[in-house]
């Protein structure tokens, strides 16, 4: 059974850093597009980072660009989200997810719709506050 488990959230002061982890079991992350999303009550879910082997590049929301970095450790079957220079507006529940969609055997990648992400973790809470 495919499963994702996030960890690493917590309370951090503005300007601080956190690294979130997303451990996969039951399948291999290498074969999927990986996304990190966040959501706060009353707001729509936002995709903040994405990585896919289809082109080997990462994409980021403008709100986190140059502060967040997505990565993957294939040996550990784990994805990460390094978050630097955190701001109070980064406070949210953070989720990782994977998208299996391929066309002609090639991952569609980060240009694909959020609705195509079909396995989700339980989330990890990040609070940025002094």
C-alpha atoms as a PDB file:
ATOM      1  CA  UNK A   1       0.000   0.000   0.000  1.00  0.00           C
ATOM      2  CA  UNK A   2       1.406   3.367  -1.041  1.00  0.00           C
ATOM      3  CA  UNK A   3       1.966   5.662   1.905  1.00  0.00           C
ATOM      4  CA  UNK A   4       3.662   8.984   2.621  1.00  0.00           C
ATOM      5  CA  UNK A   5       4.605  10.210   6.088  1.00  0.00           C
ATOM      6  CA  UNK A   6       5.717  13.793   6.685  1.00  0.00           C
ATOM      7  CA  UNK A   7       7.791  14.946   9.631  1.00  0.00           C
ATOM      8  CA  UNK A   8       9.927  17.865  10.706  1.00  0.00           C
ATOM      9  CA  UNK A   9       7.333  20.520  11.359  1.00  0.00           C
ATOM     10  CA  UNK A  10       7.353  22.668  14.457  1.00  0.00           C
ATOM     11  CA  UNK A  11       7.567  26.154  15.882  1.00  0.00           C
ATOM     12  CA  UNK A  12      10.278  28.440  14.525  1.00  0.00           C
ATOM     13  CA  UNK A  13      10.994  32.149  14.824  1.00  0.00           C
ATOM     14  CA  UNK A  14      10.818  34.402  11.776  1.00  0.00           C
ATOM     15  CA  UNK A  15      14.035  34.145   9.815  1.00  0.00           C
ATOM     16  CA  UNK A  16      14.624  30.604  10.991  1.00  0.00           C
ATOM     17  CA  UNK A  17      14.852  27.359   9.050  1.00  0.00           C
ATOM     18  CA  UNK A  18      13.195  23.965   9.033  1.00  0.00           C
ATOM     19  CA  UNK A  19      13.591  20.858   6.926  1.00  0.00           C
ATOM     20  CA  UNK A  20      10.511  18.755   6.287  1.00  0.00           C
ATOM     21  CA  UNK A  21      10.822  15.086   5.370  1.00  0.00           C
ATOM     22  CA  UNK A  22       8.449  12.888   3.397  1.00  0.00           C
ATOM     23  CA  UNK A  23       9.125   9.166   3.734  1.00  0.00           C
ATOM     24  CA  UNK A  24       7.499   6.893   1.161  1.00  0.00           C
ATOM     25  CA  UNK A  25       6.625   3.247   1.635  1.00  0.00           C
ATOM     26  CA  UNK A  26       5.006   0.749  -0.697  1.00  0.00           C
ATOM     27  CA  UNK A  27       6.415   2.456  -3.793  1.00  0.00           C
ATOM     28  CA  UNK A  28       9.473   4.318  -5.047  1.00  0.00           C
ATOM     29  CA  UNK A  29       9.527   8.092  -5.241  1.00  0.00           C
ATOM     30  CA  UNK A  30      11.946   7.975  -8.189  1.00  0.00           C
ATOM     31  CA  UNK A  31       9.082   7.011 -10.478  1.00  0.00           C
ATOM     32  CA  UNK A  32       6.798   9.894  -9.563  1.00  0.00           C
ATOM     33  CA  UNK A  33       6.472  13.642  -9.667  1.00  0.00           C
ATOM     34  CA  UNK A  34       6.796  14.916  -6.095  1.00  0.00           C
ATOM     35  CA  UNK A  35       5.012  17.951  -4.723  1.00  0.00           C
ATOM     36  CA  UNK A  36       4.936  19.854  -1.457  1.00  0.00           C
ATOM     37  CA  UNK A  37       1.723  21.675  -0.659  1.00  0.00           C
ATOM     38  CA  UNK A  38       0.502  23.794   2.224  1.00  0.00           C
ATOM     39  CA  UNK A  39      -2.869  24.823   3.538  1.00  0.00           C
ATOM     40  CA  UNK A  40      -4.212  27.123   6.209  1.00  0.00           C
ATOM     41  CA  UNK A  41      -7.819  27.208   7.435  1.00  0.00           C
ATOM     42  CA  UNK A  42     -10.062  29.120   5.097  1.00  0.00           C
ATOM     43  CA  UNK A  43      -7.529  29.210   2.277  1.00  0.00           C
ATOM     44  CA  UNK A  44      -7.071  27.062  -0.796  1.00  0.00           C
ATOM     45  CA  UNK A  45      -4.291  24.532  -0.819  1.00  0.00           C
ATOM     46  CA  UNK A  46      -1.149  25.920  -2.432  1.00  0.00           C
ATOM     47  CA  UNK A  47       1.535  23.959  -4.206  1.00  0.00           C
ATOM     48  CA  UNK A  48       4.821  25.416  -2.996  1.00  0.00           C
ATOM     49  CA  UNK A  49       7.389  23.121  -4.612  1.00  0.00           C
ATOM     50  CA  UNK A  50       7.572  20.342  -7.168  1.00  0.00           C
ATOM     51  CA  UNK A  51      10.228  18.072  -8.616  1.00  0.00           C
ATOM     52  CA  UNK A  52      10.091  15.577 -11.443  1.00  0.00           C
ATOM     53  CA  UNK A  53      12.637  13.425 -13.217  1.00  0.00           C
ATOM     54  CA  UNK A  54      10.879  14.221 -16.497  1.00  0.00           C
ATOM     55  CA  UNK A  55      13.102  17.247 -16.852  1.00  0.00           C
ATOM     56  CA  UNK A  56      15.111  17.121 -13.630  1.00  0.00           C
ATOM     57  CA  UNK A  57      14.135  20.613 -12.566  1.00  0.00           C
ATOM     58  CA  UNK A  58      12.232  21.965  -9.623  1.00  0.00           C
ATOM     59  CA  UNK A  59       9.486  24.560  -9.628  1.00  0.00           C
ATOM     60  CA  UNK A  60       8.438  26.842  -6.800  1.00  0.00           C
ATOM     61  CA  UNK A  61       5.578  29.152  -5.934  1.00  0.00           C
ATOM     62  CA  UNK A  62       6.594  32.793  -6.153  1.00  0.00           C
ATOM     63  CA  UNK A  63       5.878  33.132  -2.439  1.00  0.00           C
ATOM     64  CA  UNK A  64       8.693  30.717  -1.536  1.00  0.00           C
ATOM     65  CA  UNK A  65      11.129  31.082  -4.417  1.00  0.00           C
ATOM     66  CA  UNK A  66      14.748  31.503  -3.320  1.00  0.00           C
ATOM     67  CA  UNK A  67      13.812  30.435   0.220  1.00  0.00           C
ATOM     68  CA  UNK A  68      12.583  26.835  -0.171  1.00  0.00           C
ATOM     69  CA  UNK A  69      14.382  23.920  -1.817  1.00  0.00           C
ATOM     70  CA  UNK A  70      12.865  20.570  -2.739  1.00  0.00           C
ATOM     71  CA  UNK A  71      15.069  17.507  -2.948  1.00  0.00           C
ATOM     72  CA  UNK A  72      14.940  13.726  -2.937  1.00  0.00           C
ATOM     73  CA  UNK A  73      17.172  11.016  -1.492  1.00  0.00           C
ATOM     74  CA  UNK A  74      16.556   7.913  -3.573  1.00  0.00           C
ATOM     75  CA  UNK A  75      18.444   5.616  -1.199  1.00  0.00           C
ATOM     76  CA  UNK A  76      16.177   6.689   1.665  1.00  0.00           C
ATOM     77  CA  UNK A  77      13.080   6.890  -0.556  1.00  0.00           C
ATOM     78  CA  UNK A  78      12.455  10.253   1.064  1.00  0.00           C
ATOM     79  CA  UNK A  79      11.727  13.734  -0.216  1.00  0.00           C
ATOM     80  CA  UNK A  80      12.670  16.906   1.621  1.00  0.00           C
ATOM     81  CA  UNK A  81      11.649  20.526   1.744  1.00  0.00           C
ATOM     82  CA  UNK A  82      14.360  22.821   3.074  1.00  0.00           C
ATOM     83  CA  UNK A  83      12.764  26.065   4.240  1.00  0.00           C
ATOM     84  CA  UNK A  84      14.948  29.086   4.991  1.00  0.00           C
ATOM     85  CA  UNK A  85      14.202  32.642   6.044  1.00  0.00           C
ATOM     86  CA  UNK A  86      10.772  31.579   7.241  1.00  0.00           C
ATOM     87  CA  UNK A  87       8.055  34.196   7.550  1.00  0.00           C
ATOM     88  CA  UNK A  88       4.856  34.242   9.619  1.00  0.00           C
ATOM     89  CA  UNK A  89       2.872  33.822   6.399  1.00  0.00           C
ATOM     90  CA  UNK A  90       4.575  30.438   5.896  1.00  0.00           C
ATOM     91  CA  UNK A  91       2.580  29.116   8.851  1.00  0.00           C
ATOM     92  CA  UNK A  92       0.487  26.222   7.547  1.00  0.00           C
ATOM     93  CA  UNK A  93      -0.029  22.500   7.455  1.00  0.00           C
ATOM     94  CA  UNK A  94       2.442  21.081   4.950  1.00  0.00           C
ATOM     95  CA  UNK A  95       1.746  17.985   2.867  1.00  0.00           C
ATOM     96  CA  UNK A  96       3.766  15.975   0.408  1.00  0.00           C
ATOM     97  CA  UNK A  97       2.150  14.161  -2.475  1.00  0.00           C
ATOM     98  CA  UNK A  98       3.000  12.253  -5.632  1.00  0.00           C
ATOM     99  CA  UNK A  99       1.670  12.284  -9.163  1.00  0.00           C
ATOM    100  CA  UNK A 100       2.076   9.158 -11.271  1.00  0.00           C
ATOM    101  CA  UNK A 101       0.778  10.501 -14.566  1.00  0.00           C
ATOM    102  CA  UNK A 102       2.773   9.715 -17.677  1.00  0.00           C
ATOM    103  CA  UNK A 103       2.251  10.314 -21.353  1.00  0.00           C
ATOM    104  CA  UNK A 104       4.135   8.049 -23.708  1.00  0.00           C
ATOM    105  CA  UNK A 105       5.979   6.629 -20.702  1.00  0.00           C
ATOM    106  CA  UNK A 106       7.339  10.049 -19.677  1.00  0.00           C
ATOM    107  CA  UNK A 107       6.255  11.709 -16.453  1.00  0.00           C
ATOM    108  CA  UNK A 108       4.057  14.705 -17.212  1.00  0.00           C
ATOM    109  CA  UNK A 109       5.875  16.457 -14.384  1.00  0.00           C
ATOM    110  CA  UNK A 110       5.309  19.716 -12.546  1.00  0.00           C
ATOM    111  CA  UNK A 111       3.245  21.326 -15.289  1.00  0.00           C
ATOM    112  CA  UNK A 112       0.460  18.879 -14.491  1.00  0.00           C
ATOM    113  CA  UNK A 113      -2.665  19.775 -12.525  1.00  0.00           C
ATOM    114  CA  UNK A 114      -2.768  19.517  -8.743  1.00  0.00           C
ATOM    115  CA  UNK A 115      -5.712  17.120  -9.134  1.00  0.00           C
ATOM    116  CA  UNK A 116      -3.343  14.500 -10.579  1.00  0.00           C
ATOM    117  CA  UNK A 117      -1.506  14.164  -7.253  1.00  0.00           C
ATOM    118  CA  UNK A 118      -3.154  11.094  -5.780  1.00  0.00           C
ATOM    119  CA  UNK A 119      -1.188   9.899  -2.732  1.00  0.00           C
ATOM    120  CA  UNK A 120      -1.017  12.249   0.237  1.00  0.00           C
ATOM    121  CA  UNK A 121       0.654  12.274   3.597  1.00  0.00           C
ATOM    122  CA  UNK A 122      -1.079  13.221   6.831  1.00  0.00           C
ATOM    123  CA  UNK A 123       0.638  16.596   7.010  1.00  0.00           C
ATOM    124  CA  UNK A 124       3.053  18.297   9.365  1.00  0.00           C
ATOM    125  CA  UNK A 125       2.372  21.620  11.055  1.00  0.00           C
ATOM    126  CA  UNK A 126       4.735  24.564  10.643  1.00  0.00           C
ATOM    127  CA  UNK A 127       4.278  27.632  12.819  1.00  0.00           C
ATOM    128  CA  UNK A 128       6.421  30.707  12.304  1.00  0.00           C
ATOM    129  CA  UNK A 129       6.091  33.067  15.217  1.00  0.00           C
ATOM    130  CA  UNK A 130       8.150  35.049  17.684  1.00  0.00           C
END
